[in-house]
Amino acid sequence: MFVLSVDDEIDLRLHDAHNVDTFFALIDTNRAFIGKWLDWTDQHQTRTDTFRYILWERKQFAAQKQITTQIYY
């Protein structure tokens, strides 16, 4: 799995299907706030939507088309 350590406390990591519940919960809980700046929140209405997004992101990474990471602190 791709991990880029920024410093001793911060890593950038690929989205992980094992964390889909946490990722969806963060989106859902903060939807109104992050939706002001990021238009993709509407595409994550269910856990399944988020799971499909993670799978799509991983395919994009494997095909060397793009990289999208989460910040781990």
C-alpha atoms as a PDB file:
ATOM      1  CA  MET A   1       0.000   0.000   0.000  1.00  0.00           C
ATOM      2  CA  PHE A   2       1.170   3.505  -0.785  1.00  0.00           C
ATOM      3  CA  VAL A   3       2.150   5.568   2.266  1.00  0.00           C
ATOM      4  CA  LEU A   4       4.001   8.871   2.166  1.00  0.00           C
ATOM      5  CA  SER A   5       5.313  10.000   5.544  1.00  0.00           C
ATOM      6  CA  VAL A   6       5.214  13.772   5.802  1.00  0.00           C
ATOM      7  CA  ASP A   7       6.793  13.822   9.245  1.00  0.00           C
ATOM      8  CA  ASP A   8       6.792  11.766  12.456  1.00  0.00           C
ATOM      9  CA  GLU A   9       3.055  12.350  12.986  1.00  0.00           C
ATOM     10  CA  ILE A  10       1.507  12.715   9.527  1.00  0.00           C
ATOM     11  CA  ASP A  11       1.131  10.173   6.705  1.00  0.00           C
ATOM     12  CA  LEU A  12      -0.654  10.351   3.368  1.00  0.00           C
ATOM     13  CA  ARG A  13      -2.260   7.002   2.545  1.00  0.00           C
ATOM     14  CA  LEU A  14      -4.441   5.578  -0.176  1.00  0.00           C
ATOM     15  CA  HIS A  15      -8.074   5.095   0.683  1.00  0.00           C
ATOM     16  CA  ASP A  16      -8.550   1.680   2.247  1.00  0.00           C
ATOM     17  CA  ALA A  17     -11.719  -0.396   1.926  1.00  0.00           C
ATOM     18  CA  HIS A  18     -11.164  -1.620   5.495  1.00  0.00           C
ATOM     19  CA  ASN A  19     -11.823   1.953   6.671  1.00  0.00           C
ATOM     20  CA  VAL A  20     -14.970   2.534   4.626  1.00  0.00           C
ATOM     21  CA  ASP A  21     -17.204   2.856   7.702  1.00  0.00           C
ATOM     22  CA  THR A  22     -14.980   5.494   9.286  1.00  0.00           C
ATOM     23  CA  PHE A  23     -14.557   7.377   6.000  1.00  0.00           C
ATOM     24  CA  PHE A  24     -18.301   7.398   5.327  1.00  0.00           C
ATOM     25  CA  ALA A  25     -19.073   8.443   8.907  1.00  0.00           C
ATOM     26  CA  LEU A  26     -16.659  11.383   8.622  1.00  0.00           C
ATOM     27  CA  ILE A  27     -18.274  12.481   5.366  1.00  0.00           C
ATOM     28  CA  ASP A  28     -21.800  12.048   6.680  1.00  0.00           C
ATOM     29  CA  THR A  29     -21.158  13.802   9.990  1.00  0.00           C
ATOM     30  CA  ASN A  30     -19.405  16.755   8.353  1.00  0.00           C
ATOM     31  CA  ARG A  31     -21.395  16.866   5.089  1.00  0.00           C
ATOM     32  CA  ALA A  32     -22.737  20.421   5.491  1.00  0.00           C
ATOM     33  CA  PHE A  33     -19.345  21.818   6.429  1.00  0.00           C
ATOM     34  CA  ILE A  34     -17.173  20.128   3.807  1.00  0.00           C
ATOM     35  CA  GLY A  35     -19.895  20.434   1.171  1.00  0.00           C
ATOM     36  CA  LYS A  36     -19.291  24.199   1.118  1.00  0.00           C
ATOM     37  CA  TRP A  37     -15.922  23.595  -0.542  1.00  0.00           C
ATOM     38  CA  LEU A  38     -16.020  20.084  -1.981  1.00  0.00           C
ATOM     39  CA  ASP A  39     -18.703  19.066  -4.447  1.00  0.00           C
ATOM     40  CA  TRP A  40     -18.152  15.314  -4.145  1.00  0.00           C
ATOM     41  CA  THR A  41     -19.980  14.929  -0.827  1.00  0.00           C
ATOM     42  CA  ASP A  42     -23.287  14.411  -2.655  1.00  0.00           C
ATOM     43  CA  GLN A  43     -21.821  11.310  -4.305  1.00  0.00           C
ATOM     44  CA  HIS A  44     -21.446   9.657  -0.873  1.00  0.00           C
ATOM     45  CA  GLN A  45     -25.015   9.130   0.287  1.00  0.00           C
ATOM     46  CA  THR A  46     -24.495   5.575   1.536  1.00  0.00           C
ATOM     47  CA  ARG A  47     -21.702   3.360   2.759  1.00  0.00           C
ATOM     48  CA  THR A  48     -21.937   1.507  -0.552  1.00  0.00           C
ATOM     49  CA  ASP A  49     -21.347   4.742  -2.481  1.00  0.00           C
ATOM     50  CA  THR A  50     -18.204   5.342  -0.464  1.00  0.00           C
ATOM     51  CA  PHE A  51     -17.045   1.739  -0.883  1.00  0.00           C
ATOM     52  CA  ARG A  52     -17.460   1.990  -4.673  1.00  0.00           C
ATOM     53  CA  TYR A  53     -15.541   5.263  -4.649  1.00  0.00           C
ATOM     54  CA  ILE A  54     -12.649   3.647  -2.779  1.00  0.00           C
ATOM     55  CA  LEU A  55     -12.537   0.780  -5.278  1.00  0.00           C
ATOM     56  CA  TRP A  56     -12.553   3.269  -8.162  1.00  0.00           C
ATOM     57  CA  GLU A  57      -9.740   5.264  -6.540  1.00  0.00           C
ATOM     58  CA  ARG A  58      -7.629   2.136  -6.135  1.00  0.00           C
ATOM     59  CA  LYS A  59      -8.140   1.235  -9.805  1.00  0.00           C
ATOM     60  CA  GLN A  60      -7.092   4.743 -10.824  1.00  0.00           C
ATOM     61  CA  PHE A  61      -3.940   4.409  -8.742  1.00  0.00           C
ATOM     62  CA  ALA A  62      -3.140   0.963 -10.161  1.00  0.00           C
ATOM     63  CA  ALA A  63      -3.548   2.330 -13.697  1.00  0.00           C
ATOM     64  CA  GLN A  64      -1.251   5.254 -12.800  1.00  0.00           C
ATOM     65  CA  LYS A  65      -3.979   7.744 -13.706  1.00  0.00           C
ATOM     66  CA  GLN A  66      -4.269   9.551 -10.381  1.00  0.00           C
ATOM     67  CA  ILE A  67      -3.518   9.366  -6.705  1.00  0.00           C
ATOM     68  CA  THR A  68      -5.899  10.464  -3.998  1.00  0.00           C
ATOM     69  CA  THR A  69      -4.887  10.101  -0.369  1.00  0.00           C
ATOM     70  CA  GLN A  70      -6.230  10.570   3.109  1.00  0.00           C
ATOM     71  CA  ILE A  71      -4.313  12.420   5.786  1.00  0.00           C
ATOM     72  CA  TYR A  72      -3.526  10.322   8.857  1.00  0.00           C
ATOM     73  CA  TYR A  73      -2.494  12.268  11.938  1.00  0.00           C
END
